Amino acid sequence: GINLKFTNLECETFNKSVASFEKCQLKALGRHNVSANVNIKINVLPVDNVMLNAQLFHKGSGYRPFLYNDTLDFCRFMKNPKRWMFWKIVWDAVKPHTNMNHTCPVDHDIVVANLSLSPDMIKLIPFPANSYMLRLKFFNQLYRGFEIRVYISLYN
């Protein structure tokens, strides 16, 4: 079977008056087990208007776009994620590890704690072994908010 693990995590704020990262790190739990931890301080509350550009890349010579590049209304996605099946699968993996478990408005900082990957997460999507990057850009009409880049390795 195929295994997967985090290999890198990058967080970037475009406007610190909107949001800043208090934590953005990977933690080794074992040789093949790594968890992701992200704390985002939201400085403009409540948040009820957020767009998300979610894009998947795979590694060739550099990272190149791969299959998915969607811009969606994050608040609508939180109400009904089924419309975006791939991103729902990603969200279902993240959801048990975050305090962002409700629809908008968001009136608190956002925490993702001890998120580990397991082969079960991708059983519905038979990706080939490779390195992948998931880029998540959060923004609205007024602000370029922040971006999270998650690097994952799928290996046999």
C-alpha atoms as a PDB file:
ATOM      1  CA  GLY A   1       0.000   0.000   0.000  1.00  0.00           C
ATOM      2  CA  ILE A   2       0.918   3.632  -0.262  1.00  0.00           C
ATOM      3  CA  ASN A   3       2.042   5.710   2.710  1.00  0.00           C
ATOM      4  CA  LEU A   4       2.049   9.454   3.135  1.00  0.00           C
ATOM      5  CA  LYS A   5       3.696  11.983   5.392  1.00  0.00           C
ATOM      6  CA  PHE A   6       4.228  15.698   5.740  1.00  0.00           C
ATOM      7  CA  THR A   7       7.633  16.866   4.494  1.00  0.00           C
ATOM      8  CA  ASN A   8       7.323  20.645   4.912  1.00  0.00           C
ATOM      9  CA  LEU A   9       4.890  23.334   6.010  1.00  0.00           C
ATOM     10  CA  GLU A  10       5.101  27.024   5.083  1.00  0.00           C
ATOM     11  CA  CYS A  11       2.829  29.794   6.314  1.00  0.00           C
ATOM     12  CA  GLU A  12       2.839  33.323   4.928  1.00  0.00           C
ATOM     13  CA  THR A  13       0.876  36.377   6.016  1.00  0.00           C
ATOM     14  CA  PHE A  14       0.278  39.113   3.464  1.00  0.00           C
ATOM     15  CA  ASN A  15      -1.202  41.591   5.943  1.00  0.00           C
ATOM     16  CA  LYS A  16      -0.328  41.221   9.643  1.00  0.00           C
ATOM     17  CA  SER A  17      -3.159  43.547  10.638  1.00  0.00           C
ATOM     18  CA  VAL A  18      -5.547  40.869   9.297  1.00  0.00           C
ATOM     19  CA  ALA A  19      -3.898  37.650  10.489  1.00  0.00           C
ATOM     20  CA  SER A  20      -0.598  36.318  11.765  1.00  0.00           C
ATOM     21  CA  PHE A  21       0.811  32.868  12.438  1.00  0.00           C
ATOM     22  CA  GLU A  22       1.648  32.121  16.059  1.00  0.00           C
ATOM     23  CA  LYS A  23       2.653  28.588  15.097  1.00  0.00           C
ATOM     24  CA  CYS A  24       3.404  26.869  11.799  1.00  0.00           C
ATOM     25  CA  GLN A  25       5.408  23.722  12.363  1.00  0.00           C
ATOM     26  CA  LEU A  26       5.793  20.040  11.751  1.00  0.00           C
ATOM     27  CA  LYS A  27       6.590  17.750  14.659  1.00  0.00           C
ATOM     28  CA  ALA A  28       8.232  14.340  14.230  1.00  0.00           C
ATOM     29  CA  LEU A  29       6.270  11.721  16.167  1.00  0.00           C
ATOM     30  CA  GLY A  30       8.240   8.785  14.798  1.00  0.00           C
ATOM     31  CA  ARG A  31      10.288   7.806  11.788  1.00  0.00           C
ATOM     32  CA  HIS A  32       7.348   7.888   9.358  1.00  0.00           C
ATOM     33  CA  ASN A  33       4.864   9.892  11.399  1.00  0.00           C
ATOM     34  CA  VAL A  34       4.839  13.693  11.357  1.00  0.00           C
ATOM     35  CA  SER A  35       2.116  15.993  12.664  1.00  0.00           C
ATOM     36  CA  ALA A  36       1.234  19.498  11.515  1.00  0.00           C
ATOM     37  CA  ASN A  37       0.433  22.295  13.970  1.00  0.00           C
ATOM     38  CA  VAL A  38      -0.824  25.733  12.940  1.00  0.00           C
ATOM     39  CA  ASN A  39      -2.141  28.599  15.085  1.00  0.00           C
ATOM     40  CA  ILE A  40      -3.546  31.594  13.225  1.00  0.00           C
ATOM     41  CA  LYS A  41      -4.269  34.781  15.140  1.00  0.00           C
ATOM     42  CA  ILE A  42      -7.166  36.524  13.402  1.00  0.00           C
ATOM     43  CA  ASN A  43      -6.978  40.269  14.018  1.00  0.00           C
ATOM     44  CA  VAL A  44     -10.155  41.287  12.169  1.00  0.00           C
ATOM     45  CA  LEU A  45     -13.131  39.607  13.850  1.00  0.00           C
ATOM     46  CA  PRO A  46     -15.732  38.432  13.163  1.00  0.00           C
ATOM     47  CA  VAL A  47     -14.919  36.869   9.804  1.00  0.00           C
ATOM     48  CA  ASP A  48     -17.948  36.198   7.628  1.00  0.00           C
ATOM     49  CA  ASN A  49     -16.566  36.724   4.144  1.00  0.00           C
ATOM     50  CA  VAL A  50     -13.631  34.498   3.193  1.00  0.00           C
ATOM     51  CA  MET A  51     -12.587  33.129  -0.165  1.00  0.00           C
ATOM     52  CA  LEU A  52     -10.237  30.181  -0.511  1.00  0.00           C
ATOM     53  CA  ASN A  53      -8.101  29.375  -3.524  1.00  0.00           C
ATOM     54  CA  ALA A  54      -7.072  25.748  -3.050  1.00  0.00           C
ATOM     55  CA  GLN A  55      -4.614  24.268  -5.498  1.00  0.00           C
ATOM     56  CA  LEU A  56      -2.770  20.958  -5.742  1.00  0.00           C
ATOM     57  CA  PHE A  57       0.719  20.664  -7.253  1.00  0.00           C
ATOM     58  CA  HIS A  58       2.940  17.664  -7.946  1.00  0.00           C
ATOM     59  CA  LYS A  59       6.689  17.642  -8.199  1.00  0.00           C
ATOM     60  CA  GLY A  60       8.320  17.336 -11.583  1.00  0.00           C
ATOM     61  CA  SER A  61      11.120  19.788 -12.149  1.00  0.00           C
ATOM     62  CA  GLY A  62       9.720  22.124  -9.525  1.00  0.00           C
ATOM     63  CA  TYR A  63       6.113  21.984  -8.385  1.00  0.00           C
ATOM     64  CA  ARG A  64       3.553  22.072 -11.199  1.00  0.00           C
ATOM     65  CA  PRO A  65      -0.255  22.428 -11.033  1.00  0.00           C
ATOM     66  CA  PHE A  66      -1.961  19.042 -10.784  1.00  0.00           C
ATOM     67  CA  LEU A  67      -5.684  18.324 -11.248  1.00  0.00           C
ATOM     68  CA  TYR A  68      -7.250  20.703  -8.729  1.00  0.00           C
ATOM     69  CA  ASN A  69      -7.358  24.502  -8.678  1.00  0.00           C
ATOM     70  CA  ASP A  70     -10.571  25.846  -7.167  1.00  0.00           C
ATOM     71  CA  THR A  71     -11.609  29.188  -5.738  1.00  0.00           C
ATOM     72  CA  LEU A  72     -14.506  28.817  -3.377  1.00  0.00           C
ATOM     73  CA  ASP A  73     -16.474  30.769  -0.840  1.00  0.00           C
ATOM     74  CA  PHE A  74     -15.086  29.277   2.375  1.00  0.00           C
ATOM     75  CA  CYS A  75     -18.191  30.123   4.414  1.00  0.00           C
ATOM     76  CA  ARG A  76     -20.429  28.365   1.871  1.00  0.00           C
ATOM     77  CA  PHE A  77     -18.008  25.446   1.775  1.00  0.00           C
ATOM     78  CA  MET A  78     -18.273  25.099   5.561  1.00  0.00           C
ATOM     79  CA  LYS A  79     -22.069  24.880   5.236  1.00  0.00           C
ATOM     80  CA  ASN A  80     -22.061  22.355   2.388  1.00  0.00           C
ATOM     81  CA  PRO A  81     -18.653  20.865   1.514  1.00  0.00           C
ATOM     82  CA  LYS A  82     -20.088  18.071  -0.679  1.00  0.00           C
ATOM     83  CA  ARG A  83     -20.057  20.324  -3.735  1.00  0.00           C
ATOM     84  CA  TRP A  84     -16.242  20.195  -3.822  1.00  0.00           C
ATOM     85  CA  MET A  85     -15.584  16.471  -3.329  1.00  0.00           C
ATOM     86  CA  PHE A  86     -11.773  16.542  -3.355  1.00  0.00           C
ATOM     87  CA  TRP A  87     -11.595  19.456  -0.915  1.00  0.00           C
ATOM     88  CA  LYS A  88     -14.225  17.769   1.274  1.00  0.00           C
ATOM     89  CA  ILE A  89     -11.898  14.748   1.569  1.00  0.00           C
ATOM     90  CA  VAL A  90      -9.058  17.091   2.574  1.00  0.00           C
ATOM     91  CA  TRP A  91     -11.350  18.925   5.020  1.00  0.00           C
ATOM     92  CA  ASP A  92     -12.573  15.647   6.567  1.00  0.00           C
ATOM     93  CA  ALA A  93      -8.933  14.840   7.406  1.00  0.00           C
ATOM     94  CA  VAL A  94      -8.334  18.267   8.994  1.00  0.00           C
ATOM     95  CA  LYS A  95     -11.659  18.734  10.796  1.00  0.00           C
ATOM     96  CA  PRO A  96     -11.039  16.477  13.845  1.00  0.00           C
ATOM     97  CA  HIS A  97      -7.836  18.413  14.559  1.00  0.00           C
ATOM     98  CA  THR A  98      -9.137  21.982  14.415  1.00  0.00           C
ATOM     99  CA  ASN A  99     -11.365  24.360  16.344  1.00  0.00           C
ATOM    100  CA  MET A 100     -12.771  25.542  12.990  1.00  0.00           C
ATOM    101  CA  ASN A 101     -15.667  23.107  13.196  1.00  0.00           C
ATOM    102  CA  HIS A 102     -18.569  25.449  12.490  1.00  0.00           C
ATOM    103  CA  THR A 103     -19.863  27.738   9.771  1.00  0.00           C
ATOM    104  CA  CYS A 104     -19.240  31.481   9.585  1.00  0.00           C
ATOM    105  CA  PRO A 105     -18.959  33.875  11.266  1.00  0.00           C
ATOM    106  CA  VAL A 106     -15.586  32.995  12.753  1.00  0.00           C
ATOM    107  CA  ASP A 107     -15.059  34.931  15.975  1.00  0.00           C
ATOM    108  CA  HIS A 108     -11.855  33.320  17.267  1.00  0.00           C
ATOM    109  CA  ASP A 109      -8.305  32.396  16.318  1.00  0.00           C
ATOM    110  CA  ILE A 110      -7.867  29.184  14.330  1.00  0.00           C
ATOM    111  CA  VAL A 111      -5.920  26.192  15.609  1.00  0.00           C
ATOM    112  CA  VAL A 112      -4.909  22.989  13.851  1.00  0.00           C
ATOM    113  CA  ALA A 113      -3.272  20.624  16.350  1.00  0.00           C
ATOM    114  CA  ASN A 114      -1.530  17.285  15.865  1.00  0.00           C
ATOM    115  CA  LEU A 115      -2.790  16.626  12.345  1.00  0.00           C
ATOM    116  CA  SER A 116      -1.195  13.391  11.097  1.00  0.00           C
ATOM    117  CA  LEU A 117      -1.732  11.694   7.771  1.00  0.00           C
ATOM    118  CA  SER A 118      -2.861   8.117   7.232  1.00  0.00           C
ATOM    119  CA  PRO A 119      -3.324   6.015   4.072  1.00  0.00           C
ATOM    120  CA  ASP A 120      -7.087   5.925   4.777  1.00  0.00           C
ATOM    121  CA  MET A 121      -7.266   9.626   3.906  1.00  0.00           C
ATOM    122  CA  ILE A 122      -6.492   9.000   0.239  1.00  0.00           C
ATOM    123  CA  LYS A 123      -8.114   5.614  -0.338  1.00  0.00           C
ATOM    124  CA  LEU A 124     -10.799   7.322  -2.458  1.00  0.00           C
ATOM    125  CA  ILE A 125      -8.198   9.116  -4.589  1.00  0.00           C
ATOM    126  CA  PRO A 126      -5.566   6.805  -6.086  1.00  0.00           C
ATOM    127  CA  PHE A 127      -2.674   9.255  -6.479  1.00  0.00           C
ATOM    128  CA  PRO A 128       0.677   7.951  -7.726  1.00  0.00           C
ATOM    129  CA  ALA A 129       3.701   7.993  -5.428  1.00  0.00           C
ATOM    130  CA  ASN A 130       5.278  11.460  -5.707  1.00  0.00           C
ATOM    131  CA  SER A 131       5.759  14.674  -3.766  1.00  0.00           C
ATOM    132  CA  TYR A 132       2.788  17.036  -3.638  1.00  0.00           C
ATOM    133  CA  MET A 133       2.117  20.555  -2.456  1.00  0.00           C
ATOM    134  CA  LEU A 134      -1.271  21.798  -1.346  1.00  0.00           C
ATOM    135  CA  ARG A 135      -1.489  25.600  -1.506  1.00  0.00           C
ATOM    136  CA  LEU A 136      -4.326  27.265   0.410  1.00  0.00           C
ATOM    137  CA  LYS A 137      -4.789  31.026  -0.074  1.00  0.00           C
ATOM    138  CA  PHE A 138      -7.354  32.771   2.128  1.00  0.00           C
ATOM    139  CA  PHE A 139      -8.536  36.262   1.138  1.00  0.00           C
ATOM    140  CA  ASN A 140     -11.550  38.526   0.617  1.00  0.00           C
ATOM    141  CA  GLN A 141     -12.369  41.675  -1.370  1.00  0.00           C
ATOM    142  CA  LEU A 142     -10.602  43.897   1.170  1.00  0.00           C
ATOM    143  CA  TYR A 143      -7.569  41.856   2.212  1.00  0.00           C
ATOM    144  CA  ARG A 144      -4.983  39.497   0.844  1.00  0.00           C
ATOM    145  CA  GLY A 145      -5.027  37.351   3.951  1.00  0.00           C
ATOM    146  CA  PHE A 146      -2.618  34.465   4.260  1.00  0.00           C
ATOM    147  CA  GLU A 147      -1.331  31.357   2.537  1.00  0.00           C
ATOM    148  CA  ILE A 148      -0.462  27.901   3.810  1.00  0.00           C
ATOM    149  CA  ARG A 149       1.664  25.530   1.730  1.00  0.00           C
ATOM    150  CA  VAL A 150       1.593  21.889   2.810  1.00  0.00           C
ATOM    151  CA  TYR A 151       4.150  19.502   1.324  1.00  0.00           C
ATOM    152  CA  ILE A 152       3.316  15.800   1.372  1.00  0.00           C
ATOM    153  CA  SER A 153       5.208  12.750   0.182  1.00  0.00           C
ATOM    154  CA  LEU A 154       3.355   9.655  -1.055  1.00  0.00           C
ATOM    155  CA  TYR A 155       5.609   6.621  -1.118  1.00  0.00           C
ATOM    156  CA  ASN A 156       5.432   2.818  -1.257  1.00  0.00           C
END
